[in-house]
Amino acid sequence: MRDLGELQWFLNIRIIRDRQQRKLWLCQDAYVDKIVKMYNLEHSAKAATPLSVSRKELVKFDGHTDPQSVHAYQRRIGSVIYLAVITRPDIALAVSLLAVFLTNPSPRHQAEADRLICYLRDTKYLAIEYSANGMHQASIKTYPHETCHPVFEASSDAAFGDDPDTKRSSEGFLFRLFGGPVDWKATRQPYVTTSTTEAELLSLSHAARSLIWWNRLFDQMDFKTGHEAIIYCDNVMTTRHIMNPVSKINTKLQHVDIQNHWLRELAGKKEVKVEWIPTAEMPADGLTKPLERQRHAKFVELLGLHDVRYLVDTKNPDK
């Protein structure tokens, strides 16, 4: 072993640390530059959002795409998947939706893939920020000016029946640790749900399973968050059903009833706490539906992504 000094790069991830501010950033600007150059998109039109279309406009292609175009499309999606799962949850939904059409993409799908890369080009300095300031564990005596926030929190959301082909619902969840995302998901639910409440319950149950996994990991690491595990949900009815013992869902669907009781049991044991949050403040909102420009900018902020170009030496980008 040999000492290589302070860690600055790892698997195409730029690592920036400010010990005085007690903050750390993860950014993949160099990797974005690489794929932009690879696909000759340096001078293409600017993009303020990952997608320019709504969910319902992304449908199957009735025509036939030539093998060369299919290969080019698959290469583009393969290139951005790495970003979507490592440091850029803001593109997770776009990548998930576009990946559905890997075998026969339409010209519209191909244009959206190029737009997604252009969006990454224009936002390449967005980085995950982790900060120990203002967290729940902080001592009030040491940091009297800080507002305390949960060290570890989760958000769950669902968009009911939004898939135009299967009528399944989209779901997404986000886990943040010290203010920055550490786990996220944007996907289509495995079966058709019959109500918004059922879709939200299914999404919450998946988020709760991941929360249990994280809590077990924290126990093995002997890491204490200092507060009860929280999952935020923007559906009042769903939150009420889980946290209110006298509330009851009137349904003949057994699997929905089982999910409801399982989540209630977790809440009763204080292994999880489900809290309502306004949709405007829901960090997982952009993981279930494409957002227009202003709402997307708010989504990026809620994710815990920050522009770090002022911390990067643009004259010497490798430093």
C-alpha atoms as a PDB file:
ATOM      1  CA  MET A   1       0.000   0.000   0.000  1.00  0.00           C
ATOM      2  CA  ARG A   2       1.105   3.561  -0.591  1.00  0.00           C
ATOM      3  CA  ASP A   3      -0.265   6.947   0.381  1.00  0.00           C
ATOM      4  CA  LEU A   4      -1.654   8.739  -2.700  1.00  0.00           C
ATOM      5  CA  GLY A   5      -2.743  11.797  -0.772  1.00  0.00           C
ATOM      6  CA  GLU A   6      -6.278  13.106  -0.421  1.00  0.00           C
ATOM      7  CA  LEU A   7      -8.858  11.232  -2.493  1.00  0.00           C
ATOM      8  CA  GLN A   8      -9.922  13.314  -5.511  1.00  0.00           C
ATOM      9  CA  TRP A   9     -11.121  10.806  -8.123  1.00  0.00           C
ATOM     10  CA  PHE A  10     -12.751   7.381  -7.924  1.00  0.00           C
ATOM     11  CA  LEU A  11     -14.367   5.556 -10.881  1.00  0.00           C
ATOM     12  CA  ASN A  12     -14.975   8.786 -12.843  1.00  0.00           C
ATOM     13  CA  ILE A  13     -16.371  10.494  -9.743  1.00  0.00           C
ATOM     14  CA  ARG A  14     -14.829  13.798  -8.666  1.00  0.00           C
ATOM     15  CA  ILE A  15     -14.627  14.040  -4.874  1.00  0.00           C
ATOM     16  CA  ILE A  16     -14.427  17.458  -3.221  1.00  0.00           C
ATOM     17  CA  ARG A  17     -14.145  17.884   0.525  1.00  0.00           C
ATOM     18  CA  ASP A  18     -14.277  20.973   2.726  1.00  0.00           C
ATOM     19  CA  ARG A  19     -13.482  19.950   6.271  1.00  0.00           C
ATOM     20  CA  GLN A  20     -14.036  23.416   7.708  1.00  0.00           C
ATOM     21  CA  GLN A  21     -17.589  23.552   6.338  1.00  0.00           C
ATOM     22  CA  ARG A  22     -18.035  19.840   7.124  1.00  0.00           C
ATOM     23  CA  LYS A  23     -19.214  19.167   3.571  1.00  0.00           C
ATOM     24  CA  LEU A  24     -18.416  16.698   0.804  1.00  0.00           C
ATOM     25  CA  TRP A  25     -19.442  16.699  -2.878  1.00  0.00           C
ATOM     26  CA  LEU A  26     -19.570  13.964  -5.542  1.00  0.00           C
ATOM     27  CA  CYS A  27     -19.572  15.099  -9.178  1.00  0.00           C
ATOM     28  CA  GLN A  28     -19.132  13.390 -12.570  1.00  0.00           C
ATOM     29  CA  ASP A  29     -18.420  16.392 -14.812  1.00  0.00           C
ATOM     30  CA  ALA A  30     -15.454  14.733 -16.548  1.00  0.00           C
ATOM     31  CA  TYR A  31     -17.522  11.673 -17.470  1.00  0.00           C
ATOM     32  CA  VAL A  32     -20.252  13.938 -18.879  1.00  0.00           C
ATOM     33  CA  ASP A  33     -17.670  15.720 -21.040  1.00  0.00           C
ATOM     34  CA  LYS A  34     -16.521  12.346 -22.304  1.00  0.00           C
ATOM     35  CA  ILE A  35     -19.938  11.145 -23.491  1.00  0.00           C
ATOM     36  CA  VAL A  36     -20.859  14.542 -24.956  1.00  0.00           C
ATOM     37  CA  LYS A  37     -17.725  14.417 -27.083  1.00  0.00           C
ATOM     38  CA  MET A  38     -18.302  10.759 -27.944  1.00  0.00           C
ATOM     39  CA  TYR A  39     -21.705  11.524 -29.490  1.00  0.00           C
ATOM     40  CA  ASN A  40     -20.724  14.913 -31.002  1.00  0.00           C
ATOM     41  CA  LEU A  41     -23.273  16.912 -29.019  1.00  0.00           C
ATOM     42  CA  GLU A  42     -21.010  19.794 -27.947  1.00  0.00           C
ATOM     43  CA  HIS A  43     -22.897  22.372 -30.000  1.00  0.00           C
ATOM     44  CA  SER A  44     -26.438  20.986 -29.888  1.00  0.00           C
ATOM     45  CA  ALA A  45     -29.331  23.023 -28.503  1.00  0.00           C
ATOM     46  CA  LYS A  46     -29.459  23.697 -24.777  1.00  0.00           C
ATOM     47  CA  ALA A  47     -31.780  21.634 -22.570  1.00  0.00           C
ATOM     48  CA  ALA A  48     -33.184  22.775 -19.229  1.00  0.00           C
ATOM     49  CA  THR A  49     -34.896  19.459 -18.428  1.00  0.00           C
ATOM     50  CA  PRO A  50     -34.015  15.812 -19.148  1.00  0.00           C
ATOM     51  CA  LEU A  51     -37.144  15.228 -21.270  1.00  0.00           C
ATOM     52  CA  SER A  52     -39.172  17.531 -23.493  1.00  0.00           C
ATOM     53  CA  VAL A  53     -42.278  15.329 -23.566  1.00  0.00           C
ATOM     54  CA  SER A  54     -44.825  14.035 -21.067  1.00  0.00           C
ATOM     55  CA  ARG A  55     -44.991  10.417 -19.947  1.00  0.00           C
ATOM     56  CA  LYS A  56     -47.968   9.670 -22.209  1.00  0.00           C
ATOM     57  CA  GLU A  57     -46.076  10.806 -25.323  1.00  0.00           C
ATOM     58  CA  LEU A  58     -43.421   8.107 -24.904  1.00  0.00           C
ATOM     59  CA  VAL A  59     -45.145   5.168 -26.587  1.00  0.00           C
ATOM     60  CA  LYS A  60     -44.098   2.113 -28.571  1.00  0.00           C
ATOM     61  CA  PHE A  61     -42.866   2.653 -32.118  1.00  0.00           C
ATOM     62  CA  ASP A  62     -45.098   1.024 -34.740  1.00  0.00           C
ATOM     63  CA  GLY A  63     -42.406   1.186 -37.407  1.00  0.00           C
ATOM     64  CA  HIS A  64     -39.096  -0.627 -37.687  1.00  0.00           C
ATOM     65  CA  THR A  65     -35.724   0.874 -36.762  1.00  0.00           C
ATOM     66  CA  ASP A  66     -32.590  -0.176 -38.615  1.00  0.00           C
ATOM     67  CA  PRO A  67     -29.904  -2.064 -36.616  1.00  0.00           C
ATOM     68  CA  GLN A  68     -27.414   0.813 -36.764  1.00  0.00           C
ATOM     69  CA  SER A  69     -29.880   3.232 -35.143  1.00  0.00           C
ATOM     70  CA  VAL A  70     -30.819   0.660 -32.512  1.00  0.00           C
ATOM     71  CA  HIS A  71     -27.139   0.174 -31.625  1.00  0.00           C
ATOM     72  CA  ALA A  72     -26.541   3.943 -31.455  1.00  0.00           C
ATOM     73  CA  TYR A  73     -29.556   4.374 -29.168  1.00  0.00           C
ATOM     74  CA  GLN A  74     -28.490   1.533 -26.876  1.00  0.00           C
ATOM     75  CA  ARG A  75     -24.993   3.030 -26.590  1.00  0.00           C
ATOM     76  CA  ARG A  76     -26.429   6.378 -25.514  1.00  0.00           C
ATOM     77  CA  ILE A  77     -28.721   4.865 -22.895  1.00  0.00           C
ATOM     78  CA  GLY A  78     -25.913   2.633 -21.634  1.00  0.00           C
ATOM     79  CA  SER A  79     -23.672   5.680 -21.232  1.00  0.00           C
ATOM     80  CA  VAL A  80     -26.164   7.654 -19.125  1.00  0.00           C
ATOM     81  CA  ILE A  81     -27.255   4.741 -16.922  1.00  0.00           C
ATOM     82  CA  TYR A  82     -23.971   4.985 -15.013  1.00  0.00           C
ATOM     83  CA  LEU A  83     -24.713   8.621 -14.172  1.00  0.00           C
ATOM     84  CA  ALA A  84     -28.318   7.850 -13.238  1.00  0.00           C
ATOM     85  CA  VAL A  85     -27.332   5.268 -10.617  1.00  0.00           C
ATOM     86  CA  ILE A  86     -24.211   6.962  -9.183  1.00  0.00           C
ATOM     87  CA  THR A  87     -24.608  10.744  -8.770  1.00  0.00           C
ATOM     88  CA  ARG A  88     -27.544  12.006 -10.873  1.00  0.00           C
ATOM     89  CA  PRO A  89     -30.949  11.014  -9.493  1.00  0.00           C
ATOM     90  CA  ASP A  90     -32.405  13.944 -11.458  1.00  0.00           C
ATOM     91  CA  ILE A  91     -32.152  11.849 -14.661  1.00  0.00           C
ATOM     92  CA  ALA A  92     -33.251   8.524 -13.138  1.00  0.00           C
ATOM     93  CA  LEU A  93     -36.816   8.783 -14.439  1.00  0.00           C
ATOM     94  CA  ALA A  94     -35.754   9.864 -17.932  1.00  0.00           C
ATOM     95  CA  VAL A  95     -33.318   6.963 -18.237  1.00  0.00           C
ATOM     96  CA  SER A  96     -35.922   4.513 -16.904  1.00  0.00           C
ATOM     97  CA  LEU A  97     -38.513   5.662 -19.446  1.00  0.00           C
ATOM     98  CA  LEU A  98     -36.160   5.720 -22.432  1.00  0.00           C
ATOM     99  CA  ALA A  99     -34.684   2.317 -21.581  1.00  0.00           C
ATOM    100  CA  VAL A 100     -38.074   0.720 -22.254  1.00  0.00           C
ATOM    101  CA  PHE A 101     -37.550   1.250 -25.997  1.00  0.00           C
ATOM    102  CA  LEU A 102     -34.059  -0.219 -26.362  1.00  0.00           C
ATOM    103  CA  THR A 103     -35.045  -2.834 -28.957  1.00  0.00           C
ATOM    104  CA  ASN A 104     -36.984  -0.559 -31.336  1.00  0.00           C
ATOM    105  CA  PRO A 105     -36.554   3.170 -30.650  1.00  0.00           C
ATOM    106  CA  SER A 106     -38.443   5.705 -32.726  1.00  0.00           C
ATOM    107  CA  PRO A 107     -36.830   8.893 -34.087  1.00  0.00           C
ATOM    108  CA  ARG A 108     -38.550  10.703 -31.197  1.00  0.00           C
ATOM    109  CA  HIS A 109     -36.946   8.388 -28.650  1.00  0.00           C
ATOM    110  CA  GLN A 110     -33.549   8.921 -30.252  1.00  0.00           C
ATOM    111  CA  ALA A 111     -34.023  12.693 -30.155  1.00  0.00           C
ATOM    112  CA  GLU A 112     -34.931  12.497 -26.458  1.00  0.00           C
ATOM    113  CA  ALA A 113     -31.795  10.451 -25.743  1.00  0.00           C
ATOM    114  CA  ASP A 114     -29.681  13.174 -27.365  1.00  0.00           C
ATOM    115  CA  ARG A 115     -31.573  15.832 -25.429  1.00  0.00           C
ATOM    116  CA  LEU A 116     -30.864  13.979 -22.187  1.00  0.00           C
ATOM    117  CA  ILE A 117     -27.124  14.069 -22.899  1.00  0.00           C
ATOM    118  CA  CYS A 118     -27.382  17.777 -23.765  1.00  0.00           C
ATOM    119  CA  TYR A 119     -29.113  18.351 -20.405  1.00  0.00           C
ATOM    120  CA  LEU A 120     -26.224  16.595 -18.693  1.00  0.00           C
ATOM    121  CA  ARG A 121     -23.787  18.759 -20.649  1.00  0.00           C
ATOM    122  CA  ASP A 122     -25.517  21.946 -19.452  1.00  0.00           C
ATOM    123  CA  THR A 123     -25.695  20.729 -15.826  1.00  0.00           C
ATOM    124  CA  LYS A 124     -22.446  18.780 -15.629  1.00  0.00           C
ATOM    125  CA  TYR A 125     -21.351  20.506 -12.416  1.00  0.00           C
ATOM    126  CA  LEU A 126     -24.395  19.368 -10.440  1.00  0.00           C
ATOM    127  CA  ALA A 127     -23.052  17.345  -7.516  1.00  0.00           C
ATOM    128  CA  ILE A 128     -24.441  15.481  -4.543  1.00  0.00           C
ATOM    129  CA  GLU A 129     -23.724  17.462  -1.389  1.00  0.00           C
ATOM    130  CA  TYR A 130     -23.400  15.833   2.024  1.00  0.00           C
ATOM    131  CA  SER A 131     -23.289  18.189   4.982  1.00  0.00           C
ATOM    132  CA  ALA A 132     -23.033  17.513   8.712  1.00  0.00           C
ATOM    133  CA  ASN A 133     -24.252  21.017   9.560  1.00  0.00           C
ATOM    134  CA  GLY A 134     -27.765  21.393  10.868  1.00  0.00           C
ATOM    135  CA  MET A 135     -28.393  17.670  11.254  1.00  0.00           C
ATOM    136  CA  HIS A 136     -30.393  16.096  14.084  1.00  0.00           C
ATOM    137  CA  GLN A 137     -27.261  14.743  15.766  1.00  0.00           C
ATOM    138  CA  ALA A 138     -25.620  18.158  16.030  1.00  0.00           C
ATOM    139  CA  SER A 139     -25.309  19.541  19.523  1.00  0.00           C
ATOM    140  CA  ILE A 140     -27.375  22.652  20.147  1.00  0.00           C
ATOM    141  CA  LYS A 141     -24.526  24.026  22.271  1.00  0.00           C
ATOM    142  CA  THR A 142     -22.003  23.525  19.473  1.00  0.00           C
ATOM    143  CA  TYR A 143     -24.254  24.700  16.625  1.00  0.00           C
ATOM    144  CA  PRO A 144     -26.865  27.023  18.172  1.00  0.00           C
ATOM    145  CA  HIS A 145     -27.490  28.850  14.862  1.00  0.00           C
ATOM    146  CA  GLU A 146     -28.366  25.722  12.866  1.00  0.00           C
ATOM    147  CA  THR A 147     -31.866  24.391  12.153  1.00  0.00           C
ATOM    148  CA  CYS A 148     -31.928  20.658  12.818  1.00  0.00           C
ATOM    149  CA  HIS A 149     -32.950  18.292  10.007  1.00  0.00           C
ATOM    150  CA  PRO A 150     -33.183  14.489  10.012  1.00  0.00           C
ATOM    151  CA  VAL A 151     -29.848  12.747   9.465  1.00  0.00           C
ATOM    152  CA  PHE A 152     -31.580  10.024   7.461  1.00  0.00           C
ATOM    153  CA  GLU A 153     -34.911  10.415   5.690  1.00  0.00           C
ATOM    154  CA  ALA A 154     -36.896   8.824   2.876  1.00  0.00           C
ATOM    155  CA  SER A 155     -39.554  10.003   0.449  1.00  0.00           C
ATOM    156  CA  SER A 156     -42.022   7.891  -1.523  1.00  0.00           C
ATOM    157  CA  ASP A 157     -44.296   8.885  -4.394  1.00  0.00           C
ATOM    158  CA  ALA A 158     -46.453   7.301  -7.101  1.00  0.00           C
ATOM    159  CA  ALA A 159     -48.195   8.445 -10.296  1.00  0.00           C
ATOM    160  CA  PHE A 160     -51.405   6.436 -10.704  1.00  0.00           C
ATOM    161  CA  GLY A 161     -51.979   4.608 -14.019  1.00  0.00           C
ATOM    162  CA  ASP A 162     -49.674   6.868 -16.034  1.00  0.00           C
ATOM    163  CA  ASP A 163     -48.219   4.223 -18.371  1.00  0.00           C
ATOM    164  CA  PRO A 164     -50.120   4.583 -21.679  1.00  0.00           C
ATOM    165  CA  ASP A 165     -49.432   1.006 -22.808  1.00  0.00           C
ATOM    166  CA  THR A 166     -49.904  -1.081 -19.646  1.00  0.00           C
ATOM    167  CA  LYS A 167     -51.884   1.334 -17.413  1.00  0.00           C
ATOM    168  CA  ARG A 168     -49.480   0.538 -14.611  1.00  0.00           C
ATOM    169  CA  SER A 169     -48.409   3.254 -12.187  1.00  0.00           C
ATOM    170  CA  SER A 170     -44.958   4.780 -11.838  1.00  0.00           C
ATOM    171  CA  GLU A 171     -43.294   4.883  -8.450  1.00  0.00           C
ATOM    172  CA  GLY A 172     -40.168   6.334  -6.974  1.00  0.00           C
ATOM    173  CA  PHE A 173     -38.379   6.708  -3.680  1.00  0.00           C
ATOM    174  CA  LEU A 174     -35.440   8.704  -2.434  1.00  0.00           C
ATOM    175  CA  PHE A 175     -33.247   8.213   0.635  1.00  0.00           C
ATOM    176  CA  ARG A 176     -31.086  11.077   1.881  1.00  0.00           C
ATOM    177  CA  LEU A 177     -28.260  10.836   4.401  1.00  0.00           C
ATOM    178  CA  PHE A 178     -26.779  14.060   5.786  1.00  0.00           C
ATOM    179  CA  GLY A 179     -28.771  16.014   3.218  1.00  0.00           C
ATOM    180  CA  GLY A 180     -27.564  14.115   0.140  1.00  0.00           C
ATOM    181  CA  PRO A 181     -29.179  11.221  -1.778  1.00  0.00           C
ATOM    182  CA  VAL A 182     -27.723   7.751  -1.156  1.00  0.00           C
ATOM    183  CA  ASP A 183     -30.464   5.552  -2.631  1.00  0.00           C
ATOM    184  CA  TRP A 184     -33.178   6.206  -5.204  1.00  0.00           C
ATOM    185  CA  LYS A 185     -35.503   4.396  -7.553  1.00  0.00           C
ATOM    186  CA  ALA A 186     -37.701   5.368 -10.519  1.00  0.00           C
ATOM    187  CA  THR A 187     -39.618   2.492 -12.056  1.00  0.00           C
ATOM    188  CA  ARG A 188     -42.946   1.120 -13.226  1.00  0.00           C
ATOM    189  CA  GLN A 189     -44.935  -0.878 -10.688  1.00  0.00           C
ATOM    190  CA  PRO A 190     -45.090  -4.669 -11.281  1.00  0.00           C
ATOM    191  CA  TYR A 191     -48.882  -4.845 -11.698  1.00  0.00           C
ATOM    192  CA  VAL A 192     -51.894  -2.623 -12.370  1.00  0.00           C
ATOM    193  CA  THR A 193     -53.320  -0.844  -9.329  1.00  0.00           C
ATOM    194  CA  THR A 194     -56.949   0.242  -9.077  1.00  0.00           C
ATOM    195  CA  SER A 195     -56.649   3.492  -7.124  1.00  0.00           C
ATOM    196  CA  THR A 196     -54.196   6.227  -6.207  1.00  0.00           C
ATOM    197  CA  THR A 197     -54.167   5.000  -2.597  1.00  0.00           C
ATOM    198  CA  GLU A 198     -53.250   1.478  -3.694  1.00  0.00           C
ATOM    199  CA  ALA A 199     -50.427   2.799  -5.901  1.00  0.00           C
ATOM    200  CA  GLU A 200     -49.104   4.945  -3.045  1.00  0.00           C
ATOM    201  CA  LEU A 201     -49.296   2.003  -0.616  1.00  0.00           C
ATOM    202  CA  LEU A 202     -47.340  -0.201  -2.999  1.00  0.00           C
ATOM    203  CA  SER A 203     -44.679   2.465  -3.416  1.00  0.00           C
ATOM    204  CA  LEU A 204     -44.497   2.975   0.354  1.00  0.00           C
ATOM    205  CA  SER A 205     -44.126  -0.750   0.991  1.00  0.00           C
ATOM    206  CA  HIS A 206     -41.155  -0.905  -1.409  1.00  0.00           C
ATOM    207  CA  ALA A 207     -39.602   2.138   0.263  1.00  0.00           C
ATOM    208  CA  ALA A 208     -40.166   0.600   3.708  1.00  0.00           C
ATOM    209  CA  ARG A 209     -38.366  -2.606   2.660  1.00  0.00           C
ATOM    210  CA  SER A 210     -35.371  -0.550   1.565  1.00  0.00           C
ATOM    211  CA  LEU A 211     -35.565   1.407   4.816  1.00  0.00           C
ATOM    212  CA  ILE A 212     -35.345  -1.828   6.806  1.00  0.00           C
ATOM    213  CA  TRP A 213     -32.244  -2.776   4.784  1.00  0.00           C
ATOM    214  CA  TRP A 214     -30.625   0.578   5.531  1.00  0.00           C
ATOM    215  CA  ASN A 215     -31.436   0.304   9.248  1.00  0.00           C
ATOM    216  CA  ARG A 216     -29.813  -3.145   9.373  1.00  0.00           C
ATOM    217  CA  LEU A 217     -26.726  -1.744   7.652  1.00  0.00           C
ATOM    218  CA  PHE A 218     -26.570   1.110  10.157  1.00  0.00           C
ATOM    219  CA  ASP A 219     -26.860  -1.388  13.032  1.00  0.00           C
ATOM    220  CA  GLN A 220     -23.944  -3.410  11.641  1.00  0.00           C
ATOM    221  CA  MET A 221     -21.900  -0.216  11.386  1.00  0.00           C
ATOM    222  CA  ASP A 222     -22.993   0.844  14.883  1.00  0.00           C
ATOM    223  CA  PHE A 223     -24.250   4.102  13.358  1.00  0.00           C
ATOM    224  CA  LYS A 224     -27.045   5.912  15.177  1.00  0.00           C
ATOM    225  CA  THR A 225     -29.120   8.522  13.381  1.00  0.00           C
ATOM    226  CA  GLY A 226     -30.523   9.834  16.663  1.00  0.00           C
ATOM    227  CA  HIS A 227     -34.146   9.890  15.471  1.00  0.00           C
ATOM    228  CA  GLU A 228     -37.010   7.705  14.303  1.00  0.00           C
ATOM    229  CA  ALA A 229     -36.918   6.547  10.677  1.00  0.00           C
ATOM    230  CA  ILE A 230     -39.142   8.780   8.519  1.00  0.00           C
ATOM    231  CA  ILE A 231     -40.788   8.225   5.130  1.00  0.00           C
ATOM    232  CA  TYR A 232     -42.493  11.255   3.603  1.00  0.00           C
ATOM    233  CA  CYS A 233     -45.644  10.806   1.500  1.00  0.00           C
ATOM    234  CA  ASP A 234     -47.718  13.504  -0.229  1.00  0.00           C
ATOM    235  CA  ASN A 235     -50.971  11.507  -0.214  1.00  0.00           C
ATOM    236  CA  VAL A 236     -53.105  12.411   2.813  1.00  0.00           C
ATOM    237  CA  MET A 237     -55.340   9.327   2.607  1.00  0.00           C
ATOM    238  CA  THR A 238     -52.420   6.902   2.473  1.00  0.00           C
ATOM    239  CA  THR A 239     -50.636   8.563   5.378  1.00  0.00           C
ATOM    240  CA  ARG A 240     -53.826   8.528   7.454  1.00  0.00           C
ATOM    241  CA  HIS A 241     -54.440   4.830   6.804  1.00  0.00           C
ATOM    242  CA  ILE A 242     -50.969   3.858   8.010  1.00  0.00           C
ATOM    243  CA  MET A 243     -50.590   6.133  11.028  1.00  0.00           C
ATOM    244  CA  ASN A 244     -54.226   6.170  12.263  1.00  0.00           C
ATOM    245  CA  PRO A 245     -55.189   2.847  13.946  1.00  0.00           C
ATOM    246  CA  VAL A 246     -58.957   3.432  13.508  1.00  0.00           C
ATOM    247  CA  SER A 247     -58.719   4.271   9.805  1.00  0.00           C
ATOM    248  CA  LYS A 248     -59.625   1.449   7.432  1.00  0.00           C
ATOM    249  CA  ILE A 249     -59.345   0.820   3.719  1.00  0.00           C
ATOM    250  CA  ASN A 250     -62.497  -0.610   2.190  1.00  0.00           C
ATOM    251  CA  THR A 251     -61.114  -3.040  -0.367  1.00  0.00           C
ATOM    252  CA  LYS A 252     -61.571  -6.645  -1.431  1.00  0.00           C
ATOM    253  CA  LEU A 253     -58.013  -6.823  -2.730  1.00  0.00           C
ATOM    254  CA  GLN A 254     -56.112  -9.008  -0.263  1.00  0.00           C
ATOM    255  CA  HIS A 255     -52.625  -7.890  -1.248  1.00  0.00           C
ATOM    256  CA  VAL A 256     -53.567  -4.235  -0.640  1.00  0.00           C
ATOM    257  CA  ASP A 257     -54.931  -5.093   2.786  1.00  0.00           C
ATOM    258  CA  ILE A 258     -51.763  -7.050   3.642  1.00  0.00           C
ATOM    259  CA  GLN A 259     -49.518  -4.143   2.609  1.00  0.00           C
ATOM    260  CA  ASN A 260     -51.616  -1.782   4.709  1.00  0.00           C
ATOM    261  CA  HIS A 261     -51.405  -3.958   7.810  1.00  0.00           C
ATOM    262  CA  TRP A 262     -47.679  -4.634   7.319  1.00  0.00           C
ATOM    263  CA  LEU A 263     -46.926  -0.910   7.151  1.00  0.00           C
ATOM    264  CA  ARG A 264     -49.156  -0.275  10.170  1.00  0.00           C
ATOM    265  CA  GLU A 265     -47.290  -2.936  12.097  1.00  0.00           C
ATOM    266  CA  LEU A 266     -43.972  -1.272  11.300  1.00  0.00           C
ATOM    267  CA  ALA A 267     -45.395   2.070  12.405  1.00  0.00           C
ATOM    268  CA  GLY A 268     -46.754   0.519  15.604  1.00  0.00           C
ATOM    269  CA  LYS A 269     -43.302  -0.884  16.427  1.00  0.00           C
ATOM    270  CA  LYS A 270     -41.839   2.571  15.691  1.00  0.00           C
ATOM    271  CA  GLU A 271     -39.593   1.053  13.039  1.00  0.00           C
ATOM    272  CA  VAL A 272     -40.923   3.574  10.566  1.00  0.00           C
ATOM    273  CA  LYS A 273     -42.892   6.812  10.700  1.00  0.00           C
ATOM    274  CA  VAL A 274     -44.897   7.990   7.699  1.00  0.00           C
ATOM    275  CA  GLU A 275     -45.413  11.755   7.545  1.00  0.00           C
ATOM    276  CA  TRP A 276     -47.432  13.808   5.086  1.00  0.00           C
ATOM    277  CA  ILE A 277     -45.606  16.425   3.038  1.00  0.00           C
ATOM    278  CA  PRO A 278     -46.978  18.870   0.427  1.00  0.00           C
ATOM    279  CA  THR A 279     -46.407  17.832  -3.174  1.00  0.00           C
ATOM    280  CA  ALA A 280     -44.450  21.049  -3.758  1.00  0.00           C
ATOM    281  CA  GLU A 281     -41.932  19.852  -1.154  1.00  0.00           C
ATOM    282  CA  MET A 282     -41.866  16.170  -2.189  1.00  0.00           C
ATOM    283  CA  PRO A 283     -38.249  15.225  -3.105  1.00  0.00           C
ATOM    284  CA  ALA A 284     -39.416  12.106  -4.999  1.00  0.00           C
ATOM    285  CA  ASP A 285     -41.898  13.959  -7.227  1.00  0.00           C
ATOM    286  CA  GLY A 286     -39.524  14.089 -10.201  1.00  0.00           C
ATOM    287  CA  LEU A 287     -38.902  10.344  -9.932  1.00  0.00           C
ATOM    288  CA  THR A 288     -42.473   9.568 -11.032  1.00  0.00           C
ATOM    289  CA  LYS A 289     -43.226  12.145 -13.738  1.00  0.00           C
ATOM    290  CA  PRO A 290     -41.379  14.502 -16.119  1.00  0.00           C
ATOM    291  CA  LEU A 291     -41.516  18.066 -14.787  1.00  0.00           C
ATOM    292  CA  GLU A 292     -41.586  21.413 -16.537  1.00  0.00           C
ATOM    293  CA  ARG A 293     -38.608  23.741 -16.159  1.00  0.00           C
ATOM    294  CA  GLN A 294     -39.424  25.559 -12.909  1.00  0.00           C
ATOM    295  CA  ARG A 295     -40.666  22.468 -11.089  1.00  0.00           C
ATOM    296  CA  HIS A 296     -37.638  20.509 -12.282  1.00  0.00           C
ATOM    297  CA  ALA A 297     -35.312  23.185 -10.866  1.00  0.00           C
ATOM    298  CA  LYS A 298     -37.116  22.832  -7.525  1.00  0.00           C
ATOM    299  CA  PHE A 299     -36.833  19.035  -7.775  1.00  0.00           C
ATOM    300  CA  VAL A 300     -33.049  19.289  -8.251  1.00  0.00           C
ATOM    301  CA  GLU A 301     -32.863  21.490  -5.157  1.00  0.00           C
ATOM    302  CA  LEU A 302     -34.931  19.070  -3.071  1.00  0.00           C
ATOM    303  CA  LEU A 303     -32.728  16.172  -4.187  1.00  0.00           C
ATOM    304  CA  GLY A 304     -29.714  17.809  -2.555  1.00  0.00           C
ATOM    305  CA  LEU A 305     -27.814  18.513  -5.784  1.00  0.00           C
ATOM    306  CA  HIS A 306     -25.676  21.664  -5.937  1.00  0.00           C
ATOM    307  CA  ASP A 307     -23.700  23.369  -8.683  1.00  0.00           C
ATOM    308  CA  VAL A 308     -20.005  23.094  -7.745  1.00  0.00           C
ATOM    309  CA  ARG A 309     -18.381  24.827 -10.705  1.00  0.00           C
ATOM    310  CA  TYR A 310     -17.004  27.420  -8.286  1.00  0.00           C
ATOM    311  CA  LEU A 311     -15.119  24.621  -6.521  1.00  0.00           C
ATOM    312  CA  VAL A 312     -13.666  23.163  -9.722  1.00  0.00           C
ATOM    313  CA  ASP A 313     -10.551  24.542 -11.365  1.00  0.00           C
ATOM    314  CA  THR A 314     -11.925  24.905 -14.910  1.00  0.00           C
ATOM    315  CA  LYS A 315      -8.466  25.718 -16.258  1.00  0.00           C
ATOM    316  CA  ASN A 316      -7.178  22.418 -14.870  1.00  0.00           C
ATOM    317  CA  PRO A 317     -10.282  20.188 -14.802  1.00  0.00           C
ATOM    318  CA  ASP A 318      -8.302  17.121 -13.757  1.00  0.00           C
ATOM    319  CA  LYS A 319      -7.504  18.749 -10.418  1.00  0.00           C
END
